[in-house]
Amino acid sequence: MTRLSRTMRGWILGFIAVLVLSMFPVYKSQAAEVCAEPAWSSSAVYGGGNMVSHNGHAWKAKWWTQGEEPGTTGEWGVWEDLGACNPGTPPVDPPVDPPVDPPVDPPLPGDRMYVAYASSWNTSIYDLTTANIPNYITHLNLAFVRPDTTYTQGSYAFDQAVAGLEFVEGATTPNGQRTFTAQQSQDLRNHIASLRARGTKAFLSVGGWSYSQGSQWSRFNAKNIVDLALDLGAAGVDIDWESSGSSCNKGTAAQFSCTKDGEIAGIITSLYNEIHARNANLQISIAGWSTGAYYVKGTPFEEGKVQWGSPFGGTMYRVVKDHGSKINFINLMSYDGGIYYDPREGYESYKAIYNGPINMGMQIAPEGSGGAVLQLNAAPGTVYDADMMNGQNNIATPYYNVETMVNYIKNKGRAKDGFMLWQLWKQRVHQPAPSGAANENSAGQYVCRNLPLPGDCNQTIPSLPKL
């Protein structure tokens, strides 16, 4: 290397050093105005714990979100303000790690579920035909099966005394207990097979209120339930555990517990293990209590931060949070909470702890308790996501309508979230819905057309004569 080249190299290095030093104040000024967190994006999907920067502040997502701008969601909203950016912290752009939750594609017909309960006490097995059940109903829950059923595989004893189903063909009467004939058992299986062939899956719904108030759940037998589901040709088992004797401590997420957490966790775990040990092609759903994920201290759903719920708030929290991976979807009972209960808040409380599909429930009036009446349309000017989680116990009536609930799920829900209906042919054992309220057909057809759902949205549920 010549002397000239060494001189030239020294000049070049010196020039670079001067240039870098001259740029340093500019870099320092820029760094004082940015955060280490990646910039918030309106199109990105963020999971609980993800951090972003926006308008000079750092923000932390409390739960799943997309399109909600930090600084606009309020104190109890999804974004927690971590304060102004740390001066001198270099920016990180783009983010190194992807969001926790996968991106949400625009929903297509077929991504959503519409679950309808068929209560066996107002149903004949010959009502369960493709002509009576619209094809936009994706799942039909046969309610209810005894948790302690003694059913044995191959017996086809589907009557109330054994299985618990109260179909008129096998129900108790003043003259005693009826049992299914061989033909009736075969006809029921044929109807279930026909529904499944055209796209409507039957689930066995185990429990319900009447079968949950005694000691039946303590004798839950997963093997017998799986045997029954397989013999009927069902696609899954729905656990409708409605034990009212559980009380919760209302602690923080880490300490939160209820007295019957072990019972429901054992039910789900034993059923999951039985299905997988036998390689049975069955799914598991649960009926989520309307207020079952409420009252966890330190969360947006802490008592006092949401509308009044129920003395049973939090009952389903631990099983959903700790055993959610064993559950394929949740049918959320967004009703029977009275006029103060807001189904949108109940939905958000489950979405914060569960990543699978959630079907928001609708009950055709009259409801079992609380006096709320499901309407079809929202009043003019209603904002579908307004007036939530403000702790003011405001009456939720303006938002308890099919239009608002569908708009909320479409815009704030996940791509596979859907709806659930309680119940088919309710008018057989109750008074018809009040004038102007939603009924089985208007509610289902609205969901079908606007969510949307697969199938023919013009199909109707016929009004069948009383049994």
Protein backbone atom coordinates (compact mmCIF):
# COMPACT_ATOMS: atom_id res chain seq x y z
CA MET A 1 0.00 0.00 0.00
CA THR A 2 1.51 3.40 -1.00
CA ARG A 3 1.83 6.50 1.19
CA LEU A 4 -0.71 8.28 -1.03
CA SER A 5 -3.32 5.59 -0.55
CA ARG A 6 -2.84 5.66 3.24
CA THR A 7 -3.34 9.41 3.22
CA MET A 8 -6.39 9.12 1.10
CA ARG A 9 -7.82 6.47 3.43
CA GLY A 10 -7.23 8.66 6.46
CA TRP A 11 -8.99 11.57 4.76
CA ILE A 12 -11.96 9.43 3.91
CA LEU A 13 -12.25 8.04 7.45
CA GLY A 14 -12.00 11.51 8.89
CA PHE A 15 -14.72 12.77 6.59
CA ILE A 16 -17.01 9.93 7.63
CA ALA A 17 -16.39 10.65 11.31
CA VAL A 18 -17.24 14.32 10.86
CA LEU A 19 -20.36 13.40 8.95
CA VAL A 20 -21.53 10.99 11.66
CA LEU A 21 -20.90 13.53 14.42
CA SER A 22 -22.77 16.19 12.50
CA MET A 23 -25.79 13.87 12.20
CA PHE A 24 -25.85 12.85 15.87
CA PRO A 25 -27.96 15.76 17.19
CA VAL A 26 -30.53 15.16 14.49
CA TYR A 27 -30.79 11.46 15.41
CA LYS A 28 -31.05 12.32 19.09
CA SER A 29 -33.86 14.77 18.40
CA GLN A 30 -35.78 12.21 16.39
CA ALA A 31 -35.29 9.48 19.00
CA ALA A 32 -36.78 11.69 21.69
CA GLU A 33 -40.06 11.68 19.80
CA VAL A 34 -40.46 7.96 19.21
CA CYS A 35 -40.93 4.75 21.23
CA ALA A 36 -39.19 1.43 21.13
CA GLU A 37 -42.60 -0.17 20.48
CA PRO A 38 -43.77 -0.58 16.86
CA ALA A 39 -46.21 1.99 15.55
CA TRP A 40 -49.89 1.09 15.88
CA SER A 41 -51.55 -0.04 12.64
CA SER A 42 -55.29 0.11 12.06
CA SER A 43 -55.16 -3.10 10.01
CA ALA A 44 -52.99 -5.18 12.36
CA VAL A 45 -54.42 -7.72 14.80
CA TYR A 46 -53.13 -7.46 18.39
CA GLY A 47 -53.50 -9.94 21.21
CA GLY A 48 -53.49 -9.33 24.95
CA GLY A 49 -50.01 -8.11 26.00
CA ASN A 50 -48.97 -6.72 22.60
CA MET A 51 -47.41 -3.24 22.84
CA VAL A 52 -47.48 -0.39 20.32
CA SER A 53 -46.61 3.30 20.10
CA HIS A 54 -49.05 6.00 19.03
CA ASN A 55 -49.06 9.79 19.34
CA GLY A 56 -45.90 9.79 21.46
CA HIS A 57 -47.16 7.26 24.03
CA ALA A 58 -46.64 3.55 24.55
CA TRP A 59 -49.78 1.38 24.77
CA LYS A 60 -50.48 -2.20 25.87
CA ALA A 61 -53.42 -4.27 24.58
CA LYS A 62 -55.51 -5.82 27.36
CA TRP A 63 -57.17 -8.32 25.03
CA TRP A 64 -57.66 -9.09 21.33
CA THR A 65 -58.30 -6.03 19.18
CA GLN A 66 -58.19 -4.71 15.64
CA GLY A 67 -58.91 -1.23 14.33
CA GLU A 68 -59.40 0.41 17.75
CA GLU A 69 -57.12 3.45 17.96
CA PRO A 70 -55.09 3.86 21.17
CA GLY A 71 -56.22 6.88 23.12
CA THR A 72 -59.83 6.67 21.93
CA THR A 73 -61.12 3.63 23.83
CA GLY A 74 -61.34 5.21 27.30
CA GLU A 75 -60.04 4.15 30.68
CA TRP A 76 -61.74 0.75 30.57
CA GLY A 77 -61.09 0.15 26.87
CA VAL A 78 -58.70 -2.28 25.24
CA TRP A 79 -55.58 -0.04 25.28
CA GLU A 80 -53.67 0.68 28.51
CA ASP A 81 -51.66 3.92 28.38
CA LEU A 82 -48.10 3.20 29.55
CA GLY A 83 -47.10 6.85 29.39
CA ALA A 84 -44.99 9.07 27.19
CA CYS A 85 -42.17 7.56 25.19
CA ASN A 86 -38.73 7.23 26.76
CA PRO A 87 -36.47 9.93 25.25
CA GLY A 88 -33.47 8.53 23.48
CA THR A 89 -34.94 5.07 22.90
CA PRO A 90 -34.37 4.11 19.27
CA PRO A 91 -37.41 3.08 17.26
CA VAL A 92 -38.07 -0.52 16.31
CA ASP A 93 -39.72 -0.68 12.89
CA PRO A 94 -41.08 -3.03 11.74
CA PRO A 95 -41.99 -5.17 14.80
CA VAL A 96 -39.84 -8.22 15.28
CA ASP A 97 -42.61 -10.49 16.54
CA PRO A 98 -45.97 -10.96 14.80
CA PRO A 99 -49.23 -10.38 16.71
CA VAL A 100 -50.27 -13.20 19.04
CA ASP A 101 -53.55 -13.84 17.23
CA PRO A 102 -53.58 -14.70 13.50
CA PRO A 103 -54.87 -12.09 11.08
CA VAL A 104 -58.63 -12.10 10.63
CA ASP A 105 -59.79 -12.61 7.07
CA PRO A 106 -63.14 -11.21 5.97
CA PRO A 107 -65.74 -13.81 7.00
CA LEU A 108 -67.33 -15.91 4.30
CA PRO A 109 -70.56 -17.90 4.48
CA GLY A 110 -69.57 -21.15 6.13
CA ASP A 111 -67.20 -19.57 8.64
CA ARG A 112 -70.03 -18.76 11.04
CA MET A 113 -72.26 -21.05 13.12
CA TYR A 114 -75.92 -20.77 13.96
CA VAL A 115 -76.75 -23.17 16.80
CA ALA A 116 -80.39 -23.91 17.66
CA TYR A 117 -81.52 -25.84 20.72
CA ALA A 118 -84.34 -28.33 20.28
CA SER A 119 -85.80 -28.97 23.72
CA SER A 120 -87.01 -32.56 23.74
CA TRP A 121 -89.94 -31.82 26.10
CA ASN A 122 -91.73 -29.90 23.35
CA THR A 123 -90.55 -32.04 20.45
CA SER A 124 -91.38 -35.30 18.76
CA ILE A 125 -88.57 -37.18 17.09
CA TYR A 126 -90.59 -36.77 13.87
CA ASP A 127 -90.26 -32.97 14.09
CA LEU A 128 -86.50 -33.21 13.53
CA THR A 129 -86.60 -33.27 9.74
CA THR A 130 -84.85 -31.28 7.06
CA ALA A 131 -88.23 -29.84 6.07
CA ASN A 132 -88.80 -28.36 9.56
CA ILE A 133 -85.28 -27.09 10.27
CA PRO A 134 -83.86 -24.42 7.91
CA ASN A 135 -80.54 -25.28 6.32
CA TYR A 136 -78.90 -22.10 7.67
CA ILE A 137 -79.00 -23.77 11.11
CA THR A 138 -75.53 -25.30 11.24
CA HIS A 139 -75.88 -27.10 14.59
CA LEU A 140 -78.90 -28.63 16.33
CA ASN A 141 -78.51 -29.23 20.08
CA LEU A 142 -80.74 -31.99 21.43
CA ALA A 143 -81.60 -30.98 24.99
CA PHE A 144 -81.16 -32.47 27.49
CA VAL A 145 -79.28 -35.67 28.28
CA ARG A 146 -78.75 -36.90 31.83
CA PRO A 147 -75.17 -36.31 33.07
CA ASP A 148 -75.45 -39.61 34.96
CA THR A 149 -76.98 -41.61 32.12
CA THR A 150 -76.52 -45.36 32.36
CA TYR A 151 -76.68 -45.74 28.58
CA THR A 152 -74.74 -48.68 27.14
CA GLN A 153 -73.48 -48.83 23.58
CA GLY A 154 -75.78 -50.67 21.18
CA SER A 155 -78.86 -50.54 23.44
CA TYR A 156 -80.51 -47.63 21.58
CA ALA A 157 -82.40 -46.78 24.78
CA PHE A 158 -82.96 -43.12 23.91
CA ASP A 159 -85.93 -42.60 26.24
CA GLN A 160 -86.11 -40.27 29.22
CA ALA A 161 -85.50 -42.92 31.86
CA VAL A 162 -82.10 -43.85 30.44
CA ALA A 163 -80.82 -41.12 28.12
CA GLY A 164 -82.81 -38.29 29.63
CA LEU A 165 -84.32 -37.05 26.36
CA GLU A 166 -88.02 -36.28 26.87
CA PHE A 167 -89.30 -36.80 23.32
CA VAL A 168 -93.00 -37.56 23.50
CA GLU A 169 -92.29 -41.06 22.22
CA GLY A 170 -90.19 -41.88 25.30
CA ALA A 171 -91.31 -39.50 28.02
CA THR A 172 -92.95 -40.06 31.36
CA THR A 173 -96.74 -39.91 31.32
CA PRO A 174 -99.52 -40.32 33.90
CA ASN A 175 -99.55 -43.94 32.77
CA GLY A 176 -95.85 -44.51 33.33
CA GLN A 177 -92.58 -44.35 31.45
CA ARG A 178 -92.62 -44.97 27.71
CA THR A 179 -89.68 -46.61 25.96
CA PHE A 180 -88.64 -46.20 22.37
CA THR A 181 -89.57 -48.94 19.95
CA ALA A 182 -86.84 -50.26 17.69
CA GLN A 183 -88.43 -48.36 14.79
CA GLN A 184 -88.54 -45.08 16.70
CA SER A 185 -84.88 -45.41 17.66
CA GLN A 186 -83.96 -46.05 14.05
CA ASP A 187 -86.09 -43.14 12.82
CA LEU A 188 -84.37 -40.74 15.21
CA ARG A 189 -80.97 -41.90 14.01
CA ASN A 190 -82.12 -41.53 10.39
CA HIS A 191 -83.29 -37.95 10.98
CA ILE A 192 -79.96 -37.02 12.56
CA ALA A 193 -78.11 -38.61 9.63
CA SER A 194 -80.25 -36.72 7.09
CA LEU A 195 -79.63 -33.41 8.84
CA ARG A 196 -75.91 -34.06 8.96
CA ALA A 197 -75.81 -35.03 5.28
CA ARG A 198 -77.28 -31.67 4.29
CA GLY A 199 -74.96 -29.71 6.64
CA THR A 200 -76.70 -29.49 10.05
CA LYS A 201 -74.75 -31.26 12.80
CA ALA A 202 -76.56 -32.64 15.84
CA PHE A 203 -74.98 -32.24 19.29
CA LEU A 204 -76.09 -33.93 22.50
CA SER A 205 -76.64 -31.21 25.09
CA VAL A 206 -75.93 -32.66 28.54
CA GLY A 207 -77.37 -31.18 31.72
CA GLY A 208 -79.55 -28.09 31.60
CA TRP A 209 -81.16 -26.52 34.62
CA SER A 210 -83.29 -29.49 35.74
CA TYR A 211 -80.47 -32.03 35.49
CA SER A 212 -77.98 -29.71 37.24
CA GLN A 213 -79.74 -29.03 40.54
CA GLY A 214 -79.25 -32.43 42.14
CA SER A 215 -76.25 -34.74 42.30
CA GLN A 216 -76.34 -35.90 38.67
CA TRP A 217 -73.11 -34.14 37.70
CA SER A 218 -71.19 -35.85 40.49
CA ARG A 219 -71.96 -39.12 38.68
CA PHE A 220 -71.02 -37.85 35.21
CA ASN A 221 -69.82 -40.76 33.10
CA ALA A 222 -67.89 -39.69 30.00
CA LYS A 223 -67.88 -43.20 28.51
CA ASN A 224 -71.67 -43.49 28.61
CA ILE A 225 -72.07 -40.02 27.07
CA VAL A 226 -69.68 -40.84 24.23
CA ASP A 227 -71.44 -44.17 23.62
CA LEU A 228 -74.78 -42.37 23.38
CA ALA A 229 -73.44 -39.69 21.05
CA LEU A 230 -71.86 -42.26 18.72
CA ASP A 231 -74.97 -44.45 18.60
CA LEU A 232 -77.15 -41.45 17.72
CA GLY A 233 -74.73 -40.27 15.03
CA ALA A 234 -74.11 -36.94 16.77
CA ALA A 235 -71.23 -34.70 15.80
CA GLY A 236 -70.44 -33.56 19.31
CA VAL A 237 -71.36 -33.08 22.96
CA ASP A 238 -72.53 -29.80 24.46
CA ILE A 239 -71.94 -29.45 28.21
CA ASP A 240 -74.71 -27.34 29.75
CA TRP A 241 -73.51 -27.37 33.37
CA GLU A 242 -75.87 -25.07 35.28
CA SER A 243 -74.93 -25.78 38.87
CA SER A 244 -76.08 -22.82 40.97
CA GLY A 245 -74.23 -23.76 44.14
CA SER A 246 -70.82 -22.35 43.20
CA SER A 247 -69.54 -19.14 44.80
CA CYS A 248 -66.47 -17.17 43.68
CA ASN A 249 -63.87 -15.13 45.57
CA LYS A 250 -63.73 -12.27 43.02
CA GLY A 251 -59.93 -12.12 43.27
CA THR A 252 -57.38 -11.22 40.62
CA ALA A 253 -56.91 -13.42 37.57
CA ALA A 254 -54.18 -15.44 39.27
CA GLN A 255 -56.16 -16.02 42.47
CA PHE A 256 -59.71 -16.08 41.10
CA SER A 257 -61.52 -19.29 41.97
CA CYS A 258 -64.99 -20.70 42.60
CA THR A 259 -66.04 -23.51 44.87
CA LYS A 260 -67.08 -25.83 42.04
CA ASP A 261 -64.15 -25.20 39.68
CA GLY A 262 -62.97 -28.77 40.22
CA GLU A 263 -66.31 -30.27 39.21
CA ILE A 264 -66.66 -28.54 35.86
CA ALA A 265 -62.95 -28.92 35.08
CA GLY A 266 -63.22 -32.65 35.76
CA ILE A 267 -66.27 -32.97 33.50
CA ILE A 268 -64.56 -31.28 30.55
CA THR A 269 -61.28 -33.09 31.07
CA SER A 270 -62.80 -36.56 31.41
CA LEU A 271 -64.96 -36.05 28.31
CA TYR A 272 -62.00 -34.73 26.31
CA ASN A 273 -59.81 -37.64 27.38
CA GLU A 274 -62.51 -40.21 26.58
CA ILE A 275 -63.06 -38.81 23.09
CA HIS A 276 -59.35 -38.73 22.30
CA ALA A 277 -58.57 -42.11 23.82
CA ARG A 278 -61.18 -43.69 21.55
CA ASN A 279 -60.30 -41.51 18.56
CA ALA A 280 -63.99 -40.60 18.37
CA ASN A 281 -64.91 -37.95 15.84
CA LEU A 282 -66.74 -35.75 18.35
CA GLN A 283 -66.40 -32.08 19.25
CA ILE A 284 -67.04 -30.41 22.61
CA SER A 285 -68.98 -27.20 23.16
CA ILE A 286 -70.12 -25.59 26.38
CA ALA A 287 -73.04 -23.38 27.29
CA GLY A 288 -71.35 -20.30 28.74
CA TRP A 289 -73.25 -18.53 31.51
CA SER A 290 -74.17 -14.99 30.52
CA THR A 291 -72.14 -13.56 33.42
CA GLY A 292 -69.74 -16.44 33.76
CA ALA A 293 -66.52 -14.54 33.03
CA TYR A 294 -67.32 -11.43 35.09
CA TYR A 295 -66.00 -10.00 38.36
CA VAL A 296 -62.29 -10.79 38.05
CA LYS A 297 -60.46 -8.09 39.98
CA GLY A 298 -58.11 -5.93 37.95
CA THR A 299 -59.78 -6.65 34.61
CA PRO A 300 -62.17 -4.45 32.60
CA PHE A 301 -64.93 -6.79 33.82
CA GLU A 302 -64.36 -6.24 37.53
CA GLU A 303 -67.53 -5.70 39.51
CA GLY A 304 -68.48 -2.05 39.24
CA LYS A 305 -66.85 -1.55 35.85
CA VAL A 306 -69.59 -3.38 33.96
CA GLN A 307 -73.33 -3.39 34.11
CA TRP A 308 -74.96 -5.41 36.84
CA GLY A 309 -74.66 -9.07 36.05
CA SER A 310 -75.44 -11.88 38.44
CA PRO A 311 -74.49 -13.35 41.81
CA PHE A 312 -72.95 -16.16 39.75
CA GLY A 313 -70.47 -13.86 37.98
CA GLY A 314 -67.21 -15.67 37.30
CA THR A 315 -68.57 -19.21 37.60
CA MET A 316 -67.22 -20.25 34.18
CA TYR A 317 -63.99 -18.23 34.34
CA ARG A 318 -61.49 -20.89 35.39
CA VAL A 319 -62.74 -23.69 33.15
CA VAL A 320 -62.68 -21.45 30.07
CA LYS A 321 -59.33 -19.86 30.88
CA ASP A 322 -57.57 -23.05 32.02
CA HIS A 323 -59.25 -25.67 29.80
CA GLY A 324 -60.26 -23.65 26.74
CA SER A 325 -58.00 -25.72 24.49
CA LYS A 326 -60.31 -28.72 25.12
CA ILE A 327 -63.41 -26.78 24.01
CA ASN A 328 -64.22 -26.36 20.31
CA PHE A 329 -66.66 -23.48 20.75
CA ILE A 330 -68.84 -21.69 23.30
CA ASN A 331 -72.57 -21.06 23.08
CA LEU A 332 -72.95 -17.92 25.19
CA MET A 333 -76.27 -17.61 27.02
CA SER A 334 -76.58 -13.86 26.40
CA TYR A 335 -79.94 -13.63 28.10
CA ASP A 336 -81.88 -14.17 31.35
CA GLY A 337 -79.78 -11.44 32.98
CA GLY A 338 -82.52 -8.81 33.04
CA ILE A 339 -82.72 -5.38 31.48
CA TYR A 340 -79.38 -4.30 33.01
CA TYR A 341 -77.40 -7.11 31.41
CA ASP A 342 -75.58 -6.20 28.20
CA PRO A 343 -74.80 -9.23 25.96
CA ARG A 344 -71.97 -7.29 24.30
CA GLU A 345 -70.10 -7.04 27.61
CA GLY A 346 -70.68 -10.72 28.34
CA TYR A 347 -69.26 -11.57 24.93
CA GLU A 348 -66.16 -9.42 25.51
CA SER A 349 -65.54 -11.04 28.89
CA TYR A 350 -65.31 -14.47 27.22
CA LYS A 351 -63.35 -13.21 24.23
CA ALA A 352 -60.70 -11.85 26.61
CA ILE A 353 -59.88 -15.38 27.86
CA TYR A 354 -60.90 -17.70 25.00
CA ASN A 355 -59.52 -17.84 21.45
CA GLY A 356 -62.09 -20.15 19.86
CA PRO A 357 -65.46 -19.32 18.25
CA ILE A 358 -68.15 -17.81 20.46
CA ASN A 359 -71.82 -17.95 19.48
CA MET A 360 -73.79 -15.10 21.05
CA GLY A 361 -77.11 -16.34 22.34
CA MET A 362 -80.61 -15.05 21.66
CA GLN A 363 -83.70 -16.13 23.58
CA ILE A 364 -87.11 -15.61 22.06
CA ALA A 365 -89.34 -13.83 24.60
CA PRO A 366 -90.71 -14.51 27.09
CA GLU A 367 -87.35 -15.15 28.75
CA GLY A 368 -86.93 -17.51 31.64
CA SER A 369 -86.06 -14.67 34.05
CA GLY A 370 -85.23 -10.99 34.10
CA GLY A 371 -88.01 -9.71 31.87
CA ALA A 372 -85.87 -8.61 28.91
CA VAL A 373 -87.53 -8.81 25.49
CA LEU A 374 -85.38 -9.46 22.42
CA GLN A 375 -86.31 -7.01 19.66
CA LEU A 376 -85.42 -7.46 16.01
CA ASN A 377 -84.34 -3.96 15.01
CA ALA A 378 -82.49 -1.18 16.80
CA ALA A 379 -84.09 2.22 17.31
CA PRO A 380 -83.00 4.86 14.78
CA GLY A 381 -79.64 6.37 15.72
CA THR A 382 -78.50 3.45 17.88
CA VAL A 383 -74.70 2.99 17.83
CA TYR A 384 -73.92 -0.71 18.00
CA ASP A 385 -70.84 -0.37 20.24
CA ALA A 386 -71.85 2.61 22.40
CA ASP A 387 -72.31 2.89 26.16
CA MET A 388 -70.32 -0.14 27.27
CA MET A 389 -68.34 -0.97 30.41
CA ASN A 390 -68.96 2.35 32.08
CA GLY A 391 -70.00 0.97 35.46
CA GLN A 392 -73.16 3.04 35.55
CA ASN A 393 -75.61 0.13 35.54
CA ASN A 394 -77.40 1.79 32.67
CA ILE A 395 -80.35 -0.08 31.23
CA ALA A 396 -79.17 -2.16 28.27
CA THR A 397 -82.57 -2.38 26.56
CA PRO A 398 -81.58 -0.16 23.58
CA TYR A 399 -78.86 -2.63 22.66
CA TYR A 400 -80.75 -5.88 23.23
CA ASN A 401 -81.87 -6.45 19.66
CA VAL A 402 -80.77 -8.73 16.85
CA GLU A 403 -79.58 -5.85 14.65
CA THR A 404 -77.21 -4.44 17.28
CA MET A 405 -75.89 -7.86 18.25
CA VAL A 406 -75.21 -8.85 14.64
CA ASN A 407 -73.48 -5.54 13.94
CA TYR A 408 -71.35 -5.99 17.03
CA ILE A 409 -70.22 -9.49 16.10
CA LYS A 410 -69.56 -8.46 12.48
CA ASN A 411 -67.45 -5.46 13.44
CA LYS A 412 -65.96 -6.35 16.83
CA GLY A 413 -66.01 -10.14 16.81
CA ARG A 414 -63.76 -12.74 15.28
CA ALA A 415 -64.23 -14.21 11.84
CA LYS A 416 -65.84 -17.46 13.07
CA ASP A 417 -68.05 -16.09 15.84
CA GLY A 418 -71.75 -16.71 15.33
CA PHE A 419 -75.10 -16.99 17.09
CA MET A 420 -77.18 -19.41 19.13
CA LEU A 421 -80.97 -19.62 19.47
CA TRP A 422 -82.93 -20.78 22.49
CA GLN A 423 -85.16 -22.46 21.39
CA LEU A 424 -87.00 -24.14 18.52
CA TRP A 425 -90.81 -24.40 18.88
CA LYS A 426 -90.76 -22.55 22.18
CA GLN A 427 -94.35 -21.47 21.58
CA ARG A 428 -95.47 -25.05 22.16
CA VAL A 429 -94.89 -24.71 25.91
CA HIS A 430 -94.81 -20.91 26.32
CA GLN A 431 -96.79 -17.95 25.13
CA PRO A 432 -95.76 -16.59 21.71
CA ALA A 433 -93.29 -13.72 21.62
CA PRO A 434 -94.89 -10.32 22.33
CA SER A 435 -96.09 -8.30 19.37
CA GLY A 436 -93.17 -6.57 17.67
CA ALA A 437 -90.51 -8.70 19.34
CA ALA A 438 -88.13 -11.00 17.48
CA ASN A 439 -89.36 -14.53 16.86
CA GLU A 440 -87.59 -17.70 15.77
CA ASN A 441 -87.90 -16.91 12.07
CA SER A 442 -87.28 -13.17 12.05
CA ALA A 443 -84.23 -13.52 14.29
CA GLY A 444 -82.72 -16.43 12.34
CA GLN A 445 -83.37 -14.90 8.94
CA TYR A 446 -81.84 -11.59 10.02
CA VAL A 447 -78.70 -13.35 11.24
CA CYS A 448 -78.56 -15.44 8.07
CA ARG A 449 -78.78 -12.44 5.75
CA ASN A 450 -76.58 -10.01 7.62
CA LEU A 451 -73.83 -12.02 9.33
CA PRO A 452 -73.99 -13.87 6.80
CA LEU A 453 -74.69 -17.59 7.13
CA PRO A 454 -74.61 -20.40 4.57
CA GLY A 455 -77.94 -21.70 3.33
CA ASP A 456 -81.26 -20.33 2.16
CA CYS A 457 -82.21 -17.37 4.35
CA ASN A 458 -85.81 -17.54 3.16
CA GLN A 459 -86.43 -20.93 4.74
CA THR A 460 -88.73 -20.89 7.77
CA ILE A 461 -89.32 -22.85 10.95
CA PRO A 462 -92.95 -24.01 10.81
CA SER A 463 -95.28 -23.49 13.75
CA LEU A 464 -96.07 -27.00 14.86
CA PRO A 465 -99.17 -27.98 16.85
CA LYS A 466 -98.92 -28.54 20.57
CA LEU A 467 -98.09 -32.09 21.56
